[in-house]
Amino acid sequence: MAPQQAGPYGARAYEGARVILIVLTAVLLLTAGGCACVFWAARGGPRWTHAVARATLAAGHVTTALLRPGRSGSRNRSTSDDGGSD
């Protein structure tokens, strides 16, 4: 029986993909856990759920702020006409 080959990209690429999968799985589990704590804390859960909920909401706000392109200054910078009458 011939030894098993690593494929065209080698064993290092496989290990790198495995590490990325582990990291993404951990991020997904932390996100799901944070959302569950926000839900539980909103319904009067234990004190630690309130702390985790605050951290989750803060991380969400930071992520949103970082992903918005060029939002420094005024929030209403739109120059397009929205069709409404004031």
Protein backbone atom coordinates (compact mmCIF):
# COMPACT_ATOMS: atom_id res chain seq x y z
CA MET A 1 0.00 0.00 0.00
CA ALA A 2 1.44 3.40 -1.02
CA PRO A 3 1.76 6.23 1.51
CA GLN A 4 -0.98 8.84 1.37
CA GLN A 5 0.02 12.00 -0.48
CA ALA A 6 -0.81 15.52 0.74
CA GLY A 7 -2.18 16.71 -2.60
CA PRO A 8 -1.03 19.45 -4.97
CA TYR A 9 -0.67 22.10 -2.26
CA GLY A 10 1.18 20.12 0.36
CA ALA A 11 0.69 19.50 4.05
CA ARG A 12 1.37 23.12 5.06
CA ALA A 13 -1.60 24.42 3.09
CA TYR A 14 -3.79 21.78 4.67
CA GLU A 15 -2.65 22.79 8.15
CA GLY A 16 -3.22 26.46 7.35
CA ALA A 17 -6.75 25.76 6.16
CA ARG A 18 -7.37 23.73 9.30
CA VAL A 19 -6.24 26.60 11.53
CA ILE A 20 -8.46 29.05 9.65
CA LEU A 21 -11.41 26.68 10.08
CA ILE A 22 -10.76 26.40 13.82
CA VAL A 23 -10.51 30.20 14.21
CA LEU A 24 -13.70 30.81 12.20
CA THR A 25 -15.54 28.18 14.23
CA ALA A 26 -14.41 29.83 17.47
CA VAL A 27 -15.56 33.25 16.23
CA LEU A 28 -18.93 31.79 15.23
CA LEU A 29 -19.39 30.14 18.64
CA LEU A 30 -18.43 33.33 20.49
CA THR A 31 -20.84 35.35 18.38
CA ALA A 32 -23.69 32.89 18.96
CA GLY A 33 -22.94 32.84 22.69
CA GLY A 34 -22.88 36.63 22.83
CA CYS A 35 -26.22 36.86 21.04
CA ALA A 36 -27.70 34.34 23.45
CA CYS A 37 -26.44 36.42 26.39
CA VAL A 38 -27.98 39.58 24.92
CA PHE A 39 -31.29 37.74 24.59
CA TRP A 40 -31.07 36.28 28.11
CA ALA A 41 -29.95 39.54 29.74
CA ALA A 42 -32.86 41.40 28.13
CA ARG A 43 -35.15 39.02 29.96
CA GLY A 44 -33.53 39.53 33.37
CA GLY A 45 -30.81 36.89 33.36
CA PRO A 46 -27.95 36.65 35.86
CA ARG A 47 -25.50 39.52 36.31
CA TRP A 48 -22.76 37.89 34.22
CA THR A 49 -25.09 37.76 31.20
CA HIS A 50 -25.51 41.52 31.42
CA ALA A 51 -21.73 41.99 31.32
CA VAL A 52 -21.36 39.63 28.34
CA ALA A 53 -24.28 41.35 26.60
CA ARG A 54 -22.66 44.77 27.06
CA ALA A 55 -19.37 43.45 25.66
CA THR A 56 -21.17 41.85 22.70
CA LEU A 57 -23.10 45.02 21.88
CA ALA A 58 -19.94 47.13 22.20
CA ALA A 59 -18.06 44.78 19.86
CA GLY A 60 -20.93 45.04 17.39
CA HIS A 61 -20.85 48.84 17.49
CA VAL A 62 -17.08 48.91 17.03
CA THR A 63 -17.27 46.47 14.13
CA THR A 64 -20.01 48.49 12.48
CA ALA A 65 -18.06 51.71 12.90
CA LEU A 66 -14.91 50.16 11.44
CA LEU A 67 -16.71 48.70 8.43
CA ARG A 68 -18.41 51.97 7.44
CA PRO A 69 -16.39 53.74 4.77
CA GLY A 70 -15.54 57.40 5.44
CA ARG A 71 -18.12 58.31 8.04
CA SER A 72 -16.24 61.04 9.85
CA GLY A 73 -18.13 64.25 10.46
CA SER A 74 -21.82 64.82 9.85
CA ARG A 75 -24.16 61.85 9.65
CA ASN A 76 -26.50 63.47 7.09
CA ARG A 77 -24.16 64.06 4.17
CA SER A 78 -26.53 62.75 1.52
CA THR A 79 -26.76 65.08 -1.48
CA SER A 80 -29.29 62.97 -3.35
CA ASP A 81 -32.95 63.93 -3.39
CA ASP A 82 -35.05 61.44 -1.46
CA GLY A 83 -38.24 62.56 -3.16
CA GLY A 84 -39.88 63.66 0.07
CA SER A 85 -41.33 67.07 0.82
CA ASP A 86 -40.31 68.91 3.97
